Amino acid sequence: MELTNREKEILDLIMDELSSKEIAERLVISISTVEAYRRSLFRKFGVHSVIGLVRAAMKM
């Protein structure tokens, strides 16, 4: 599976337990942009929750 550099960055921050607001502040982007990346990651990993995303990412 191919992830963009930004998707990898967002995924790392999600795995560090940061909220969408915290990620947005750290990366100087909007919360809606973070949510769009989160949805893209869910789709690419075939999951429906952050827990599923983290579990799938750890297996990768």
C-alpha atoms as a PDB file:
ATOM      1  CA  MET A   1       0.000   0.000   0.000  1.00  0.00           C
ATOM      2  CA  GLU A   2       1.276   3.434  -0.944  1.00  0.00           C
ATOM      3  CA  LEU A   3       0.950   6.272   1.570  1.00  0.00           C
ATOM      4  CA  THR A   4       1.907   9.866   0.887  1.00  0.00           C
ATOM      5  CA  ASN A   5       4.467  11.522   3.122  1.00  0.00           C
ATOM      6  CA  ARG A   6       1.696  13.604   4.709  1.00  0.00           C
ATOM      7  CA  GLU A   7      -0.442  10.500   5.335  1.00  0.00           C
ATOM      8  CA  LYS A   8       2.540   8.872   7.052  1.00  0.00           C
ATOM      9  CA  GLU A   9       3.035  11.997   9.152  1.00  0.00           C
ATOM     10  CA  ILE A  10      -0.650  12.089  10.142  1.00  0.00           C
ATOM     11  CA  LEU A  11      -0.612   8.356  10.910  1.00  0.00           C
ATOM     12  CA  ASP A  12       2.431   8.751  13.174  1.00  0.00           C
ATOM     13  CA  LEU A  13       0.684  11.533  15.090  1.00  0.00           C
ATOM     14  CA  ILE A  14      -2.511   9.482  15.401  1.00  0.00           C
ATOM     15  CA  MET A  15      -0.427   6.627  16.767  1.00  0.00           C
ATOM     16  CA  ASP A  16       1.082   9.103  19.259  1.00  0.00           C
ATOM     17  CA  GLU A  17      -2.523   9.619  20.485  1.00  0.00           C
ATOM     18  CA  LEU A  18      -2.864  13.218  19.304  1.00  0.00           C
ATOM     19  CA  SER A  19      -6.367  14.519  18.604  1.00  0.00           C
ATOM     20  CA  SER A  20      -7.322  16.009  15.250  1.00  0.00           C
ATOM     21  CA  LYS A  21      -7.103  19.464  16.818  1.00  0.00           C
ATOM     22  CA  GLU A  22      -3.600  18.793  18.160  1.00  0.00           C
ATOM     23  CA  ILE A  23      -2.466  17.396  14.807  1.00  0.00           C
ATOM     24  CA  ALA A  24      -3.888  20.429  12.999  1.00  0.00           C
ATOM     25  CA  GLU A  25      -2.092  22.809  15.353  1.00  0.00           C
ATOM     26  CA  ARG A  26       1.209  20.943  15.079  1.00  0.00           C
ATOM     27  CA  LEU A  27       1.122  20.780  11.256  1.00  0.00           C
ATOM     28  CA  VAL A  28      -0.479  24.220  10.818  1.00  0.00           C
ATOM     29  CA  ILE A  29      -3.415  22.841   8.820  1.00  0.00           C
ATOM     30  CA  SER A  30      -7.162  22.894   9.417  1.00  0.00           C
ATOM     31  CA  ILE A  31      -8.989  20.282  11.443  1.00  0.00           C
ATOM     32  CA  SER A  32     -11.074  19.442   8.377  1.00  0.00           C
ATOM     33  CA  THR A  33      -7.872  18.692   6.454  1.00  0.00           C
ATOM     34  CA  VAL A  34      -6.745  16.358   9.232  1.00  0.00           C
ATOM     35  CA  GLU A  35     -10.149  14.644   9.115  1.00  0.00           C
ATOM     36  CA  ALA A  36      -9.841  14.228   5.326  1.00  0.00           C
ATOM     37  CA  TYR A  37      -6.459  12.535   5.774  1.00  0.00           C
ATOM     38  CA  ARG A  38      -7.923  10.368   8.534  1.00  0.00           C
ATOM     39  CA  ARG A  39     -10.758   9.248   6.208  1.00  0.00           C
ATOM     40  CA  SER A  40      -8.230   8.512   3.466  1.00  0.00           C
ATOM     41  CA  LEU A  41      -6.183   6.374   5.866  1.00  0.00           C
ATOM     42  CA  PHE A  42      -9.304   4.508   7.007  1.00  0.00           C
ATOM     43  CA  ARG A  43     -10.162   3.780   3.375  1.00  0.00           C
ATOM     44  CA  LYS A  44      -6.647   2.675   2.440  1.00  0.00           C
ATOM     45  CA  PHE A  45      -6.371   0.369   5.463  1.00  0.00           C
ATOM     46  CA  GLY A  46      -9.965  -0.845   5.161  1.00  0.00           C
ATOM     47  CA  VAL A  47     -10.862   0.069   8.742  1.00  0.00           C
ATOM     48  CA  HIS A  48     -13.589   2.131  10.433  1.00  0.00           C
ATOM     49  CA  SER A  49     -11.982   3.342  13.656  1.00  0.00           C
ATOM     50  CA  VAL A  50      -8.750   4.736  15.028  1.00  0.00           C
ATOM     51  CA  ILE A  51      -8.174   1.495  16.923  1.00  0.00           C
ATOM     52  CA  GLY A  52      -8.499  -0.465  13.686  1.00  0.00           C
ATOM     53  CA  LEU A  53      -6.160   1.968  11.967  1.00  0.00           C
ATOM     54  CA  VAL A  54      -3.484   1.646  14.647  1.00  0.00           C
ATOM     55  CA  ARG A  55      -3.752  -2.149  14.664  1.00  0.00           C
ATOM     56  CA  ALA A  56      -3.482  -2.322  10.862  1.00  0.00           C
ATOM     57  CA  ALA A  57      -0.552   0.114  10.817  1.00  0.00           C
ATOM     58  CA  MET A  58       1.312  -1.927  13.443  1.00  0.00           C
ATOM     59  CA  LYS A  59       0.922  -5.052  11.296  1.00  0.00           C
ATOM     60  CA  MET A  60       2.309  -3.206   8.284  1.00  0.00           C
END
